[in-house]
Structures are given as C-alpha cells and as structure tokens.
Amino acid sequence: MTATLQTARHLLLGITFVLTLACDPTQARDLGVDPEDLVPVELAGIGVSASAGAPLVLLRHMETGDVVPIIIGIDQARAILMAMHGVEPPRPMTHDLTTSVISALGASLERVLVDDLVDNTFLGMLELRVPGRDEPIRVDSRPSDALALAVRSGATIHVAPSVLVAGEDLDYEGLAGDQVVTALGITVVEAGLDERQALDLPDRTGVLVRRVVGEAARTDLEPGSLILEVNGDAVATPMQFLEAVRDTEQSSRVHILYWRDGEEYELELDQGAGAPQRREPVISA
C-alpha cells in the first residue's frame, strides 16, 4: 500500500471514528438553543471590521434582510472566498477534503448551526445525515470551519437569536477588491474589463452574476448577466448590491433590473429568496 493510500485510509478511519462518537449522545455537546428557535440565514460574503481590520463572515437574515457580521480567522475567510468565487485548487484544501470525505462515507452535510455565544466565543455544529439513521448526527465545530463547509456543500445555515444580536453593533466594510457577495441566492462579483470583454457586456455600471440558486434560479436571470439596479438605484460593487438588498423594507419585494443578451429585464424577489441548495457550476470568463 502506498503512503498516499495509507494516509487516505487513516483519514477515513479517523472521520468514521468521529462519526461513531457523534452517534453517542454522551459524547456530543448539547445545542445552546432549542432547534425550533434557530433562524435561517444566507452566507452573504466576507468583509472586514471597520475598526479592527479583522476578517468577518457576513450572514444575511432571510426574513428581515439584516446583515450580521461574525469575526473569523484569515484561513477560514480565504477558504470561504475561494468557494464563493468557484475556485478549484489543484489539490484539495482542508475544507474541500472534509467535504469529499463526508460524501465518500455516504453521509451528507444538511445544516450548519451557529447555536451559542459563550465567553465571547461563537459555537457551532455540523448536522450530518447518515444512511440508516432516522436522526441526524451533530458534530461540534468552529462556526468558521462549518461555514466554509456549508458554502461548498450547499448546506443550509441556521443561527441562534443571541448570535444575531451579538453582531448588531459590529461595523463592517467590503474587501478592497476581490469582492464577491451573495444575496437572494444571487452571487455577484465586480465586472472588470476582462470579464466585460469576454462576455460582451455593455459599458454600463453594474455587477456580474456568477451563480444563481433558489427562487432566483427559476427566473430568466443567469450567470453572465449584469445587474444594473436594485430598487431603482445603480449598483457599482458587490457590497452595494448587498446593501441595497439589505435596505429594502421588510414588507417589500426587491426589484432588480439586469442586462442579458443585449436586452434589459426586470424581476422581483422576496427577502426570503435564496435558500441554499446543492452547488451548481459558476460562470467563468
């Protein structure tokens, strides 16, 4: 047996052991909140703390549209950005490997939970579905790692109300370049000169659609489209797109004007649009 195969075999055995421990409720951390109280959110992107410069993951409340930031590590921020951009590394990185191993074992990552805040530390869990088991398996996890797995697998994300409140006063801003944002199930990036030329986009202010899931995927909006306006206001950057969606009144639908194949189109989506689903291909220029 080669060293590579031995390493893979040991890794599979190790994760199988972890899953076995997770089957024993005495080995698992209890959820910090009743599962019924968890709130669905959408992973909107990566930002930075306006005061400290620390990386943040931005979560969009699917009912109110509010954006909640959570401080994460640089490595996890990079892993989430790579997945949102659809970057496939030449060799599997840690989160890509973990996702592949879960799949190879016949399990699936169904939900990621950010369920508690203890001593200024956010706590998270992976909720796995395993064939032959009626109940899901929950595995304790750092929220940042769990979210990096969610963006790769399409797992839904749910957070405790205390987590939403904890991030309310944390100021954030977009990244300087390399912005990628998801809102309403629509992932957008900056429309640079190379992308405009490759996709024959018009010389107009807008953001480029990279990926579409959920309710938005059932419209005529497609990867390669150029979003021009949200609620009548022009959007020049991905962060402006997110902020325009966030600022839509809760009782109102989000109105989007976009360009595709030489024509302008309009669509309206509820704030709750964008429920994650299994990953689909992204457009590459």
C-alpha atoms as a PDB file:
ATOM      1  CA  MET A   1       0.000   0.000   0.000  1.00  0.00           C
ATOM      2  CA  THR A   2       1.438   3.415  -0.988  1.00  0.00           C
ATOM      3  CA  ALA A   3       1.962   6.192   1.549  1.00  0.00           C
ATOM      4  CA  THR A   4      -0.812   8.218  -0.097  1.00  0.00           C
ATOM      5  CA  LEU A   5      -3.319   5.380   0.173  1.00  0.00           C
ATOM      6  CA  GLN A   6      -2.291   4.753   3.766  1.00  0.00           C
ATOM      7  CA  THR A   7      -2.839   8.405   4.622  1.00  0.00           C
ATOM      8  CA  ALA A   8      -6.261   8.401   2.957  1.00  0.00           C
ATOM      9  CA  ARG A   9      -7.213   5.172   4.745  1.00  0.00           C
ATOM     10  CA  HIS A  10      -6.172   6.606   8.127  1.00  0.00           C
ATOM     11  CA  LEU A  11      -8.129   9.778   7.454  1.00  0.00           C
ATOM     12  CA  LEU A  12     -11.261   7.840   6.538  1.00  0.00           C
ATOM     13  CA  LEU A  13     -10.912   5.681   9.643  1.00  0.00           C
ATOM     14  CA  GLY A  14     -10.424   8.781  11.768  1.00  0.00           C
ATOM     15  CA  ILE A  15     -13.535  10.509  10.485  1.00  0.00           C
ATOM     16  CA  THR A  16     -15.520   7.278  10.784  1.00  0.00           C
ATOM     17  CA  PHE A  17     -14.431   7.195  14.436  1.00  0.00           C
ATOM     18  CA  VAL A  18     -15.578  10.800  14.910  1.00  0.00           C
ATOM     19  CA  LEU A  19     -18.954   9.991  13.362  1.00  0.00           C
ATOM     20  CA  THR A  20     -19.209   6.937  15.614  1.00  0.00           C
ATOM     21  CA  LEU A  21     -18.593   9.096  18.668  1.00  0.00           C
ATOM     22  CA  ALA A  22     -21.209  11.535  17.409  1.00  0.00           C
ATOM     23  CA  CYS A  23     -23.760   8.720  17.403  1.00  0.00           C
ATOM     24  CA  ASP A  24     -23.344   8.533  21.186  1.00  0.00           C
ATOM     25  CA  PRO A  25     -25.228  11.441  22.752  1.00  0.00           C
ATOM     26  CA  THR A  26     -22.897  11.357  25.768  1.00  0.00           C
ATOM     27  CA  GLN A  27     -20.016  12.407  23.501  1.00  0.00           C
ATOM     28  CA  ALA A  28     -21.734  15.404  21.870  1.00  0.00           C
ATOM     29  CA  ARG A  29     -22.172  18.973  23.084  1.00  0.00           C
ATOM     30  CA  ASP A  30     -25.784  19.920  23.633  1.00  0.00           C
ATOM     31  CA  LEU A  31     -27.214  22.627  21.421  1.00  0.00           C
ATOM     32  CA  GLY A  32     -27.205  26.007  23.112  1.00  0.00           C
ATOM     33  CA  VAL A  33     -30.747  26.770  21.954  1.00  0.00           C
ATOM     34  CA  ASP A  34     -33.932  24.907  21.080  1.00  0.00           C
ATOM     35  CA  PRO A  35     -33.650  23.816  17.415  1.00  0.00           C
ATOM     36  CA  GLU A  36     -37.051  25.425  16.741  1.00  0.00           C
ATOM     37  CA  ASP A  37     -35.582  28.825  17.693  1.00  0.00           C
ATOM     38  CA  LEU A  38     -32.766  28.721  15.142  1.00  0.00           C
ATOM     39  CA  VAL A  39     -33.088  31.338  12.391  1.00  0.00           C
ATOM     40  CA  PRO A  40     -32.225  30.631   8.715  1.00  0.00           C
ATOM     41  CA  VAL A  41     -29.570  32.909   7.229  1.00  0.00           C
ATOM     42  CA  GLU A  42     -27.717  33.237   3.947  1.00  0.00           C
ATOM     43  CA  LEU A  43     -23.934  33.405   3.755  1.00  0.00           C
ATOM     44  CA  ALA A  44     -23.567  36.803   2.087  1.00  0.00           C
ATOM     45  CA  GLY A  45     -19.807  37.126   1.872  1.00  0.00           C
ATOM     46  CA  ILE A  46     -16.606  38.216   3.540  1.00  0.00           C
ATOM     47  CA  GLY A  47     -15.945  41.688   4.913  1.00  0.00           C
ATOM     48  CA  VAL A  48     -13.577  43.335   7.365  1.00  0.00           C
ATOM     49  CA  SER A  49     -14.122  45.035  10.678  1.00  0.00           C
ATOM     50  CA  ALA A  50     -14.132  48.796  10.123  1.00  0.00           C
ATOM     51  CA  SER A  51     -12.326  49.383  13.416  1.00  0.00           C
ATOM     52  CA  ALA A  52     -10.012  46.384  13.896  1.00  0.00           C
ATOM     53  CA  GLY A  53      -9.473  45.238  10.305  1.00  0.00           C
ATOM     54  CA  ALA A  54     -10.260  41.625  11.265  1.00  0.00           C
ATOM     55  CA  PRO A  55     -11.962  39.389   8.658  1.00  0.00           C
ATOM     56  CA  LEU A  56     -15.694  38.871   9.072  1.00  0.00           C
ATOM     57  CA  VAL A  57     -18.209  36.491   7.595  1.00  0.00           C
ATOM     58  CA  LEU A  58     -21.450  38.285   6.707  1.00  0.00           C
ATOM     59  CA  LEU A  59     -24.724  36.451   7.310  1.00  0.00           C
ATOM     60  CA  ARG A  60     -27.982  37.797   5.845  1.00  0.00           C
ATOM     61  CA  HIS A  61     -31.153  37.280   7.876  1.00  0.00           C
ATOM     62  CA  MET A  62     -33.586  35.673   5.435  1.00  0.00           C
ATOM     63  CA  GLU A  63     -36.664  37.320   6.984  1.00  0.00           C
ATOM     64  CA  THR A  64     -35.558  40.860   7.857  1.00  0.00           C
ATOM     65  CA  GLY A  65     -32.716  41.246   5.369  1.00  0.00           C
ATOM     66  CA  ASP A  66     -30.355  42.392   8.135  1.00  0.00           C
ATOM     67  CA  VAL A  67     -26.674  41.573   7.664  1.00  0.00           C
ATOM     68  CA  VAL A  68     -24.915  40.152  10.742  1.00  0.00           C
ATOM     69  CA  PRO A  69     -21.082  40.000  10.873  1.00  0.00           C
ATOM     70  CA  ILE A  70     -19.118  37.352  12.787  1.00  0.00           C
ATOM     71  CA  ILE A  71     -15.345  37.570  13.302  1.00  0.00           C
ATOM     72  CA  ILE A  72     -13.468  34.612  11.777  1.00  0.00           C
ATOM     73  CA  GLY A  73      -9.873  33.618  11.057  1.00  0.00           C
ATOM     74  CA  ILE A  74      -7.921  34.599   7.971  1.00  0.00           C
ATOM     75  CA  ASP A  75      -7.612  30.995   6.724  1.00  0.00           C
ATOM     76  CA  GLN A  76     -11.358  30.396   7.017  1.00  0.00           C
ATOM     77  CA  ALA A  77     -12.108  33.721   5.302  1.00  0.00           C
ATOM     78  CA  ARG A  78      -9.835  32.718   2.425  1.00  0.00           C
ATOM     79  CA  ALA A  79     -11.489  29.280   2.196  1.00  0.00           C
ATOM     80  CA  ILE A  80     -14.967  30.830   2.019  1.00  0.00           C
ATOM     81  CA  LEU A  81     -13.860  33.355  -0.607  1.00  0.00           C
ATOM     82  CA  MET A  82     -12.359  30.626  -2.786  1.00  0.00           C
ATOM     83  CA  ALA A  83     -15.574  28.617  -2.685  1.00  0.00           C
ATOM     84  CA  MET A  84     -17.758  31.658  -3.435  1.00  0.00           C
ATOM     85  CA  HIS A  85     -15.553  32.508  -6.424  1.00  0.00           C
ATOM     86  CA  GLY A  86     -15.814  28.898  -7.603  1.00  0.00           C
ATOM     87  CA  VAL A  87     -12.031  28.409  -7.436  1.00  0.00           C
ATOM     88  CA  GLU A  88     -10.961  24.775  -7.685  1.00  0.00           C
ATOM     89  CA  PRO A  89      -7.500  24.308  -6.117  1.00  0.00           C
ATOM     90  CA  PRO A  90      -5.092  21.970  -7.946  1.00  0.00           C
ATOM     91  CA  ARG A  91      -5.052  19.758  -4.836  1.00  0.00           C
ATOM     92  CA  PRO A  92      -7.810  19.526  -2.207  1.00  0.00           C
ATOM     93  CA  MET A  93      -7.532  22.023   0.634  1.00  0.00           C
ATOM     94  CA  THR A  94      -8.690  21.063   4.133  1.00  0.00           C
ATOM     95  CA  HIS A  95     -12.348  22.039   3.704  1.00  0.00           C
ATOM     96  CA  ASP A  96     -12.549  20.524   0.222  1.00  0.00           C
ATOM     97  CA  LEU A  97     -11.073  17.289   1.593  1.00  0.00           C
ATOM     98  CA  THR A  98     -13.510  17.199   4.514  1.00  0.00           C
ATOM     99  CA  THR A  99     -16.450  17.696   2.161  1.00  0.00           C
ATOM    100  CA  SER A 100     -15.202  14.860  -0.066  1.00  0.00           C
ATOM    101  CA  VAL A 101     -14.665  12.514   2.878  1.00  0.00           C
ATOM    102  CA  ILE A 102     -18.179  13.106   4.240  1.00  0.00           C
ATOM    103  CA  SER A 103     -19.551  12.268   0.789  1.00  0.00           C
ATOM    104  CA  ALA A 104     -17.293   9.219   0.412  1.00  0.00           C
ATOM    105  CA  LEU A 105     -18.685   7.858   3.688  1.00  0.00           C
ATOM    106  CA  GLY A 106     -22.213   8.110   2.295  1.00  0.00           C
ATOM    107  CA  ALA A 107     -23.168  10.975   4.615  1.00  0.00           C
ATOM    108  CA  SER A 108     -24.319  14.479   3.696  1.00  0.00           C
ATOM    109  CA  LEU A 109     -23.945  17.798   5.457  1.00  0.00           C
ATOM    110  CA  GLU A 110     -27.531  19.014   5.781  1.00  0.00           C
ATOM    111  CA  ARG A 111     -27.278  22.009   8.103  1.00  0.00           C
ATOM    112  CA  VAL A 112     -24.669  24.213   9.737  1.00  0.00           C
ATOM    113  CA  LEU A 113     -25.680  25.641  13.119  1.00  0.00           C
ATOM    114  CA  VAL A 114     -24.220  28.636  14.952  1.00  0.00           C
ATOM    115  CA  ASP A 115     -26.070  27.990  18.157  1.00  0.00           C
ATOM    116  CA  ASP A 116     -24.406  29.785  21.053  1.00  0.00           C
ATOM    117  CA  LEU A 117     -22.069  32.503  22.278  1.00  0.00           C
ATOM    118  CA  VAL A 118     -20.009  31.617  25.368  1.00  0.00           C
ATOM    119  CA  ASP A 119     -17.280  33.878  26.791  1.00  0.00           C
ATOM    120  CA  ASN A 120     -17.250  35.915  23.564  1.00  0.00           C
ATOM    121  CA  THR A 121     -16.720  32.735  21.520  1.00  0.00           C
ATOM    122  CA  PHE A 122     -19.259  31.578  18.944  1.00  0.00           C
ATOM    123  CA  LEU A 123     -20.088  27.861  18.984  1.00  0.00           C
ATOM    124  CA  GLY A 124     -21.212  25.824  16.006  1.00  0.00           C
ATOM    125  CA  MET A 125     -22.264  22.354  14.899  1.00  0.00           C
ATOM    126  CA  LEU A 126     -22.401  20.265  11.772  1.00  0.00           C
ATOM    127  CA  GLU A 127     -25.668  18.402  11.256  1.00  0.00           C
ATOM    128  CA  LEU A 128     -24.994  15.297   9.175  1.00  0.00           C
ATOM    129  CA  ARG A 129     -27.441  12.889   7.600  1.00  0.00           C
ATOM    130  CA  VAL A 130     -26.196   9.292   7.598  1.00  0.00           C
ATOM    131  CA  PRO A 131     -27.912   6.437   5.745  1.00  0.00           C
ATOM    132  CA  GLY A 132     -29.698   4.023   8.067  1.00  0.00           C
ATOM    133  CA  ARG A 133     -30.186   6.588  10.831  1.00  0.00           C
ATOM    134  CA  ASP A 134     -33.511   8.317  11.440  1.00  0.00           C
ATOM    135  CA  GLU A 135     -31.997  11.174  13.419  1.00  0.00           C
ATOM    136  CA  PRO A 136     -29.202  13.453  12.187  1.00  0.00           C
ATOM    137  CA  ILE A 137     -25.742  13.340  13.737  1.00  0.00           C
ATOM    138  CA  ARG A 138     -24.455  16.583  15.254  1.00  0.00           C
ATOM    139  CA  VAL A 139     -20.715  17.245  15.477  1.00  0.00           C
ATOM    140  CA  ASP A 140     -19.236  20.160  17.431  1.00  0.00           C
ATOM    141  CA  SER A 141     -17.390  22.612  15.172  1.00  0.00           C
ATOM    142  CA  ARG A 142     -15.937  26.078  14.995  1.00  0.00           C
ATOM    143  CA  PRO A 143     -18.515  28.204  13.139  1.00  0.00           C
ATOM    144  CA  SER A 144     -15.889  29.467  10.702  1.00  0.00           C
ATOM    145  CA  ASP A 145     -14.959  25.923   9.612  1.00  0.00           C
ATOM    146  CA  ALA A 146     -18.613  24.894   9.488  1.00  0.00           C
ATOM    147  CA  LEU A 147     -19.466  27.871   7.253  1.00  0.00           C
ATOM    148  CA  ALA A 148     -16.538  27.071   4.937  1.00  0.00           C
ATOM    149  CA  LEU A 149     -18.045  23.587   4.550  1.00  0.00           C
ATOM    150  CA  ALA A 150     -21.566  24.968   4.034  1.00  0.00           C
ATOM    151  CA  VAL A 151     -20.568  27.144   1.086  1.00  0.00           C
ATOM    152  CA  ARG A 152     -19.017  24.068  -0.567  1.00  0.00           C
ATOM    153  CA  SER A 153     -21.814  21.595   0.126  1.00  0.00           C
ATOM    154  CA  GLY A 154     -24.910  23.781  -0.128  1.00  0.00           C
ATOM    155  CA  ALA A 155     -25.905  23.017   3.467  1.00  0.00           C
ATOM    156  CA  THR A 156     -28.393  25.440   4.965  1.00  0.00           C
ATOM    157  CA  ILE A 157     -27.216  27.766   7.738  1.00  0.00           C
ATOM    158  CA  HIS A 158     -29.152  28.469  10.931  1.00  0.00           C
ATOM    159  CA  VAL A 159     -28.144  30.689  13.845  1.00  0.00           C
ATOM    160  CA  ALA A 160     -29.385  31.385  17.353  1.00  0.00           C
ATOM    161  CA  PRO A 161     -31.144  34.704  18.085  1.00  0.00           C
ATOM    162  CA  SER A 162     -28.335  35.540  20.532  1.00  0.00           C
ATOM    163  CA  VAL A 163     -25.846  35.327  17.646  1.00  0.00           C
ATOM    164  CA  LEU A 164     -27.885  37.798  15.584  1.00  0.00           C
ATOM    165  CA  VAL A 165     -27.979  40.245  18.486  1.00  0.00           C
ATOM    166  CA  ALA A 166     -24.254  39.886  19.250  1.00  0.00           C
ATOM    167  CA  GLY A 167     -23.206  41.203  15.840  1.00  0.00           C
ATOM    168  CA  GLU A 168     -25.622  44.121  15.610  1.00  0.00           C
ATOM    169  CA  ASP A 169     -23.125  46.788  16.703  1.00  0.00           C
ATOM    170  CA  LEU A 170     -20.126  45.453  14.779  1.00  0.00           C
ATOM    171  CA  ASP A 171     -19.282  47.800  11.903  1.00  0.00           C
ATOM    172  CA  TYR A 172     -18.081  46.224   8.673  1.00  0.00           C
ATOM    173  CA  GLU A 173     -16.967  47.198   5.222  1.00  0.00           C
ATOM    174  CA  GLY A 174     -16.279  45.382   1.972  1.00  0.00           C
ATOM    175  CA  LEU A 175     -12.945  43.978   0.901  1.00  0.00           C
ATOM    176  CA  ALA A 176     -10.625  46.196  -1.112  1.00  0.00           C
ATOM    177  CA  GLY A 177     -11.036  44.391  -4.428  1.00  0.00           C
ATOM    178  CA  ASP A 178     -11.879  40.722  -4.976  1.00  0.00           C
ATOM    179  CA  GLN A 179     -15.395  41.315  -3.674  1.00  0.00           C
ATOM    180  CA  VAL A 180     -17.920  38.503  -4.006  1.00  0.00           C
ATOM    181  CA  VAL A 181     -21.365  38.709  -2.425  1.00  0.00           C
ATOM    182  CA  THR A 182     -24.455  36.522  -2.283  1.00  0.00           C
ATOM    183  CA  ALA A 183     -27.938  37.861  -1.588  1.00  0.00           C
ATOM    184  CA  LEU A 184     -31.324  36.406  -2.566  1.00  0.00           C
ATOM    185  CA  GLY A 185     -29.454  33.377  -3.927  1.00  0.00           C
ATOM    186  CA  ILE A 186     -27.584  35.586  -6.430  1.00  0.00           C
ATOM    187  CA  THR A 187     -23.785  35.617  -6.257  1.00  0.00           C
ATOM    188  CA  VAL A 188     -22.192  38.686  -7.848  1.00  0.00           C
ATOM    189  CA  VAL A 189     -18.641  39.932  -8.452  1.00  0.00           C
ATOM    190  CA  GLU A 190     -17.152  43.087  -9.868  1.00  0.00           C
ATOM    191  CA  ALA A 191     -17.473  43.372 -13.641  1.00  0.00           C
ATOM    192  CA  GLY A 192     -13.858  44.006 -14.642  1.00  0.00           C
ATOM    193  CA  LEU A 193     -12.597  44.883 -18.092  1.00  0.00           C
ATOM    194  CA  ASP A 194     -11.559  41.309 -18.930  1.00  0.00           C
ATOM    195  CA  GLU A 195     -14.972  39.920 -17.907  1.00  0.00           C
ATOM    196  CA  ARG A 196     -16.781  42.616 -19.861  1.00  0.00           C
ATOM    197  CA  GLN A 197     -14.809  41.857 -23.000  1.00  0.00           C
ATOM    198  CA  ALA A 198     -15.114  38.084 -22.647  1.00  0.00           C
ATOM    199  CA  LEU A 199     -18.871  38.224 -22.057  1.00  0.00           C
ATOM    200  CA  ASP A 200     -19.543  41.186 -24.389  1.00  0.00           C
ATOM    201  CA  LEU A 201     -21.113  43.215 -21.570  1.00  0.00           C
ATOM    202  CA  PRO A 202     -22.287  46.794 -22.140  1.00  0.00           C
ATOM    203  CA  ASP A 203     -20.306  49.783 -20.870  1.00  0.00           C
ATOM    204  CA  ARG A 204     -22.726  50.400 -18.014  1.00  0.00           C
ATOM    205  CA  THR A 205     -22.429  50.407 -14.230  1.00  0.00           C
ATOM    206  CA  GLY A 206     -23.325  47.025 -12.776  1.00  0.00           C
ATOM    207  CA  VAL A 207     -22.202  43.811 -11.098  1.00  0.00           C
ATOM    208  CA  LEU A 208     -21.633  40.478 -12.804  1.00  0.00           C
ATOM    209  CA  VAL A 209     -23.766  37.462 -11.843  1.00  0.00           C
ATOM    210  CA  ARG A 210     -21.615  34.421 -11.119  1.00  0.00           C
ATOM    211  CA  ARG A 211     -24.171  31.963  -9.715  1.00  0.00           C
ATOM    212  CA  VAL A 212     -27.935  31.764  -9.157  1.00  0.00           C
ATOM    213  CA  VAL A 213     -29.776  29.376  -6.798  1.00  0.00           C
ATOM    214  CA  GLY A 214     -33.161  29.073  -5.125  1.00  0.00           C
ATOM    215  CA  GLU A 215     -36.097  31.193  -6.279  1.00  0.00           C
ATOM    216  CA  ALA A 216     -33.843  33.400  -8.426  1.00  0.00           C
ATOM    217  CA  ALA A 217     -32.756  30.344 -10.429  1.00  0.00           C
ATOM    218  CA  ARG A 218     -36.362  29.863 -11.523  1.00  0.00           C
ATOM    219  CA  THR A 219     -36.321  33.239 -13.292  1.00  0.00           C
ATOM    220  CA  ASP A 220     -34.551  34.306 -16.502  1.00  0.00           C
ATOM    221  CA  LEU A 221     -31.565  35.639 -14.538  1.00  0.00           C
ATOM    222  CA  GLU A 222     -28.480  33.627 -15.494  1.00  0.00           C
ATOM    223  CA  PRO A 223     -24.741  33.573 -14.760  1.00  0.00           C
ATOM    224  CA  GLY A 224     -23.140  36.147 -17.042  1.00  0.00           C
ATOM    225  CA  SER A 225     -25.966  38.650 -16.618  1.00  0.00           C
ATOM    226  CA  LEU A 226     -25.163  42.203 -15.487  1.00  0.00           C
ATOM    227  CA  ILE A 227     -27.282  43.571 -12.615  1.00  0.00           C
ATOM    228  CA  LEU A 228     -27.741  47.287 -13.237  1.00  0.00           C
ATOM    229  CA  GLU A 229     -30.088  48.479 -10.488  1.00  0.00           C
ATOM    230  CA  VAL A 230     -31.702  47.360  -7.241  1.00  0.00           C
ATOM    231  CA  ASN A 231     -34.903  49.184  -6.286  1.00  0.00           C
ATOM    232  CA  GLY A 232     -34.142  51.863  -8.868  1.00  0.00           C
ATOM    233  CA  ASP A 233     -30.609  52.595  -7.620  1.00  0.00           C
ATOM    234  CA  ALA A 234     -27.489  51.767  -9.637  1.00  0.00           C
ATOM    235  CA  VAL A 235     -25.098  49.240  -8.090  1.00  0.00           C
ATOM    236  CA  ALA A 236     -21.404  49.526  -8.919  1.00  0.00           C
ATOM    237  CA  THR A 237     -19.913  46.996  -6.487  1.00  0.00           C
ATOM    238  CA  PRO A 238     -20.981  43.686  -4.916  1.00  0.00           C
ATOM    239  CA  MET A 239     -21.157  45.345  -1.486  1.00  0.00           C
ATOM    240  CA  GLN A 240     -23.521  48.000  -2.869  1.00  0.00           C
ATOM    241  CA  PHE A 241     -25.697  45.168  -4.179  1.00  0.00           C
ATOM    242  CA  LEU A 242     -25.814  43.580  -0.712  1.00  0.00           C
ATOM    243  CA  GLU A 243     -26.558  46.897   0.980  1.00  0.00           C
ATOM    244  CA  ALA A 244     -29.358  47.691  -1.491  1.00  0.00           C
ATOM    245  CA  VAL A 245     -30.978  44.314  -0.741  1.00  0.00           C
ATOM    246  CA  ARG A 246     -30.461  44.846   2.999  1.00  0.00           C
ATOM    247  CA  ASP A 247     -32.085  48.289   2.903  1.00  0.00           C
ATOM    248  CA  THR A 248     -35.265  47.043   1.202  1.00  0.00           C
ATOM    249  CA  GLU A 249     -38.258  47.404   3.511  1.00  0.00           C
ATOM    250  CA  GLN A 250     -39.126  44.089   5.105  1.00  0.00           C
ATOM    251  CA  SER A 251     -42.663  44.044   3.685  1.00  0.00           C
ATOM    252  CA  SER A 252     -41.485  44.914   0.161  1.00  0.00           C
ATOM    253  CA  ARG A 253     -40.104  42.797  -2.649  1.00  0.00           C
ATOM    254  CA  VAL A 254     -36.658  43.504  -4.053  1.00  0.00           C
ATOM    255  CA  HIS A 255     -36.836  44.934  -7.579  1.00  0.00           C
ATOM    256  CA  ILE A 256     -33.878  44.098  -9.827  1.00  0.00           C
ATOM    257  CA  LEU A 257     -33.035  45.474 -13.275  1.00  0.00           C
ATOM    258  CA  TYR A 258     -30.486  43.454 -15.233  1.00  0.00           C
ATOM    259  CA  TRP A 259     -28.984  43.109 -18.713  1.00  0.00           C
ATOM    260  CA  ARG A 260     -28.695  39.820 -20.589  1.00  0.00           C
ATOM    261  CA  ASP A 261     -28.044  39.076 -24.265  1.00  0.00           C
ATOM    262  CA  GLY A 262     -28.486  42.678 -25.359  1.00  0.00           C
ATOM    263  CA  GLU A 263     -31.790  43.267 -23.529  1.00  0.00           C
ATOM    264  CA  GLU A 264     -32.908  44.677 -20.180  1.00  0.00           C
ATOM    265  CA  TYR A 265     -35.088  42.562 -17.891  1.00  0.00           C
ATOM    266  CA  GLU A 266     -36.775  43.076 -14.539  1.00  0.00           C
ATOM    267  CA  LEU A 267     -37.586  40.715 -11.702  1.00  0.00           C
ATOM    268  CA  GLU A 268     -38.873  40.906  -8.149  1.00  0.00           C
ATOM    269  CA  LEU A 269     -37.862  38.622  -5.285  1.00  0.00           C
ATOM    270  CA  ASP A 270     -38.926  38.249  -1.673  1.00  0.00           C
ATOM    271  CA  GLN A 271     -36.358  38.915   1.048  1.00  0.00           C
ATOM    272  CA  GLY A 272     -36.589  35.220   1.923  1.00  0.00           C
ATOM    273  CA  ALA A 273     -35.368  34.155  -1.527  1.00  0.00           C
ATOM    274  CA  GLY A 274     -32.020  32.460  -1.689  1.00  0.00           C
ATOM    275  CA  ALA A 275     -32.450  29.310   0.387  1.00  0.00           C
ATOM    276  CA  PRO A 276     -29.199  27.410  -0.279  1.00  0.00           C
ATOM    277  CA  GLN A 277     -29.221  24.320  -2.433  1.00  0.00           C
ATOM    278  CA  ARG A 278     -26.558  21.964  -3.738  1.00  0.00           C
ATOM    279  CA  ARG A 279     -23.768  23.737  -5.575  1.00  0.00           C
ATOM    280  CA  GLU A 280     -24.123  24.428  -9.275  1.00  0.00           C
ATOM    281  CA  PRO A 281     -21.463  25.431 -11.790  1.00  0.00           C
ATOM    282  CA  VAL A 282     -20.389  29.083 -11.847  1.00  0.00           C
ATOM    283  CA  ILE A 283     -19.697  31.168 -14.911  1.00  0.00           C
ATOM    284  CA  SER A 284     -16.035  31.567 -15.789  1.00  0.00           C
ATOM    285  CA  ALA A 285     -14.843  34.196 -18.186  1.00  0.00           C
END
